[in-house]
Protein backbone atom coordinates (compact mmCIF):
# COMPACT_ATOMS: atom_id res chain seq x y z
CA MET A 1 -24.49 -48.06 -23.89
CA HIS A 2 -22.91 -45.15 -25.72
CA ASN A 3 -26.18 -43.20 -25.39
CA THR A 4 -26.22 -43.75 -21.61
CA GLN A 5 -22.65 -42.46 -21.25
CA PHE A 6 -23.49 -39.40 -23.34
CA GLY A 7 -26.57 -38.67 -21.18
CA PHE A 8 -24.52 -39.00 -17.99
CA LEU A 9 -21.82 -36.72 -19.41
CA LYS A 10 -24.41 -34.15 -20.48
CA HIS A 11 -26.02 -34.07 -17.01
CA THR A 12 -22.63 -33.92 -15.29
CA LEU A 13 -21.51 -31.05 -17.50
CA ALA A 14 -24.75 -29.18 -16.78
CA ALA A 15 -24.22 -29.64 -13.02
CA VAL A 16 -20.62 -28.40 -13.27
CA LEU A 17 -21.76 -25.32 -15.20
CA VAL A 18 -24.38 -24.55 -12.54
CA LEU A 19 -21.78 -24.89 -9.78
CA PHE A 20 -19.27 -22.75 -11.67
CA THR A 21 -21.83 -20.03 -12.37
CA THR A 22 -22.95 -20.07 -8.75
CA ALA A 23 -19.37 -19.77 -7.47
CA VAL A 24 -18.61 -16.83 -9.76
CA THR A 25 -21.89 -15.12 -8.93
CA ALA A 26 -21.33 -15.60 -5.19
CA THR A 27 -18.04 -13.74 -5.52
CA THR A 28 -19.73 -10.69 -7.03
CA ALA A 29 -23.31 -10.98 -5.76
CA GLN A 30 -25.14 -8.19 -3.97
CA ALA A 31 -25.89 -9.71 -0.59
CA PRO A 32 -26.21 -7.64 2.59
CA ALA A 33 -22.90 -7.47 4.46
CA PRO A 34 -23.32 -8.93 7.95
CA ASP A 35 -23.26 -6.12 10.50
CA PHE A 36 -20.74 -6.23 13.32
CA THR A 37 -19.20 -4.12 16.05
CA LEU A 38 -15.55 -4.58 17.02
CA LYS A 39 -13.08 -2.68 19.16
CA SER A 40 -10.42 -0.82 17.17
CA ASN A 41 -6.72 -0.25 17.78
CA SER A 42 -7.64 3.25 19.02
CA GLY A 43 -9.95 1.75 21.66
CA GLU A 44 -13.26 2.80 20.13
CA ASN A 45 -16.00 0.46 18.96
CA ILE A 46 -16.66 0.57 15.22
CA ARG A 47 -19.93 -0.70 13.79
CA LEU A 48 -20.12 -1.48 10.08
CA SER A 49 -23.72 -0.25 9.73
CA GLU A 50 -22.62 3.20 10.94
CA LEU A 51 -20.51 3.45 7.79
CA ARG A 52 -23.56 3.08 5.51
CA GLY A 53 -23.24 5.62 2.71
CA GLU A 54 -19.52 4.89 2.30
CA VAL A 55 -17.73 2.27 0.27
CA VAL A 56 -15.95 -0.01 2.75
CA LEU A 57 -13.10 -2.41 2.13
CA ILE A 58 -12.90 -5.01 4.92
CA ASN A 59 -9.57 -6.80 5.04
CA PHE A 60 -9.27 -9.88 7.26
CA TRP A 61 -5.63 -10.48 8.19
CA ALA A 62 -3.20 -12.05 10.68
CA SER A 63 0.27 -10.95 11.80
CA TRP A 64 1.80 -14.33 10.85
CA CYS A 65 0.54 -14.00 7.24
CA GLY A 66 3.25 -12.83 4.82
CA PRO A 67 0.87 -11.68 2.05
CA CYS A 68 -1.13 -9.77 4.70
CA ARG A 69 1.99 -7.84 5.71
CA GLN A 70 2.78 -7.17 2.06
CA GLU A 71 -0.72 -5.85 1.41
CA MET A 72 -1.12 -3.58 4.48
CA PRO A 73 0.87 -0.55 3.19
CA ILE A 74 -0.97 -0.78 -0.14
CA LEU A 75 -4.33 -0.75 1.64
CA SER A 76 -3.19 2.24 3.69
CA GLU A 77 -2.33 4.14 0.48
CA LEU A 78 -5.69 3.17 -1.03
CA HIS A 79 -7.48 4.41 2.10
CA ASP A 80 -5.61 7.72 2.02
CA LYS A 81 -6.22 8.27 -1.70
CA TYR A 82 -10.00 7.71 -1.68
CA LYS A 83 -11.16 8.55 1.87
CA THR A 84 -12.34 12.04 0.87
CA MET A 85 -14.62 10.39 -1.71
CA GLY A 86 -16.53 8.34 0.86
CA PHE A 87 -14.25 5.31 1.11
CA THR A 88 -12.73 3.60 4.13
CA VAL A 89 -10.66 0.54 4.86
CA LEU A 90 -11.26 -1.59 7.94
CA GLY A 91 -8.54 -4.06 8.83
CA VAL A 92 -9.88 -6.98 10.88
CA ASN A 93 -7.23 -8.92 12.75
CA VAL A 94 -8.40 -12.49 13.28
CA GLU A 95 -5.95 -13.65 15.93
CA GLU A 96 -7.14 -14.85 19.33
CA ASN A 97 -4.40 -12.85 21.03
CA SER A 98 -3.95 -9.40 19.48
CA SER A 99 -0.51 -8.66 20.96
CA ALA A 100 1.39 -9.73 17.81
CA ALA A 101 -0.94 -7.60 15.69
CA ARG A 102 -0.43 -4.59 17.94
CA LYS A 103 3.35 -5.03 17.71
CA LEU A 104 3.15 -5.25 13.92
CA LEU A 105 1.09 -2.04 13.81
CA LYS A 106 3.81 -0.24 15.80
CA ASP A 107 6.42 -1.39 13.27
CA MET A 108 4.16 -0.82 10.27
CA PRO A 109 1.58 1.87 11.09
CA VAL A 110 -1.47 2.16 8.85
CA SER A 111 -3.88 5.05 8.36
CA PHE A 112 -7.07 2.99 8.58
CA PRO A 113 -8.78 1.53 11.67
CA VAL A 114 -7.72 -1.97 12.67
CA LEU A 115 -10.35 -4.00 14.50
CA PHE A 116 -9.82 -7.09 16.64
CA ASP A 117 -11.93 -10.20 16.05
CA ASN A 118 -10.41 -12.25 18.89
CA ASP A 119 -13.22 -14.81 19.00
CA SER A 120 -13.50 -15.11 15.18
CA SER A 121 -17.22 -14.31 15.29
CA VAL A 122 -17.02 -11.78 12.44
CA SER A 123 -14.63 -13.96 10.43
CA LYS A 124 -17.19 -16.77 10.65
CA GLN A 125 -20.01 -14.44 9.50
CA TYR A 126 -17.95 -13.62 6.42
CA ASP A 127 -16.86 -17.23 5.87
CA VAL A 128 -13.17 -16.28 5.90
CA ALA A 129 -11.25 -19.28 4.56
CA ALA A 130 -7.97 -17.70 3.42
CA MET A 131 -5.55 -15.06 4.65
CA PRO A 132 -5.94 -12.34 3.71
CA SER A 133 -9.57 -12.13 2.65
CA THR A 134 -10.95 -8.84 1.38
CA VAL A 135 -14.59 -7.84 1.01
CA LEU A 136 -15.81 -4.69 -0.74
CA VAL A 137 -19.11 -3.31 0.54
CA ASP A 138 -21.09 -0.73 -1.44
CA ARG A 139 -22.75 2.43 -0.08
CA ASN A 140 -25.99 0.48 0.53
CA GLY A 141 -24.29 -2.07 2.77
CA ASN A 142 -24.13 -4.87 0.21
CA MET A 143 -21.13 -7.14 -0.27
CA ARG A 144 -20.09 -6.71 -3.87
CA TYR A 145 -16.67 -8.34 -4.20
CA LEU A 146 -14.74 -10.99 -2.31
CA HIS A 147 -11.04 -11.68 -2.77
CA ARG A 148 -9.37 -14.63 -1.07
CA GLY A 149 -5.60 -14.31 -0.75
CA TYR A 150 -3.28 -11.65 -2.10
CA LYS A 151 -0.61 -11.49 -4.75
CA PRO A 152 1.11 -8.40 -6.19
CA GLY A 153 -1.04 -6.74 -8.82
CA LEU A 154 -4.36 -7.42 -7.09
CA GLU A 155 -4.33 -3.83 -5.88
CA ASP A 156 -5.08 -2.74 -9.47
CA THR A 157 -8.32 -4.72 -9.26
CA TYR A 158 -9.08 -3.12 -5.87
CA VAL A 159 -8.60 0.36 -7.35
CA GLU A 160 -10.91 -0.40 -10.29
CA GLN A 161 -13.60 -1.88 -8.04
CA VAL A 162 -13.36 0.94 -5.48
CA ARG A 163 -13.62 3.59 -8.21
CA ASN A 164 -16.66 1.89 -9.71
CA LEU A 165 -18.40 1.61 -6.32
CA ILE A 166 -17.62 5.25 -5.47
CA LYS A 167 -19.22 6.36 -8.76
CA GLU A 168 -22.47 4.51 -8.05
């Protein structure tokens, strides 16, 4: 009986390790970023594939999300600091009605384009499950990093990842 329990434990542990490795790899894997076109706060349509050759940080957010509000000025500073090196931030508001987002942008202007995903089609493509969610896309159009949520200090990780992707 002891041998049977050990065998079960060994197989269970192996399965957990496979799942853990897969989850970690999925967070940093090089998979093509789904292309999309969304209308921006300036009224123009922005298509992700037209930014090929740049490092792109896509930040999915909502006006009701406290951590999103906390992160927005930091992302604006990051955009300003690295934009001359081929880097851009795209904010993607995920609310069905964009009026609250537009009001927030008047009170807290940002330097990067904000896009409106009113029908959540892009959010679904990127499997957004937390607010905010941030995806870093390399110059070849591959998703390289995914961050779900935000807490102070995460911007240091963003800076390190952005610098590394710019150097590639």
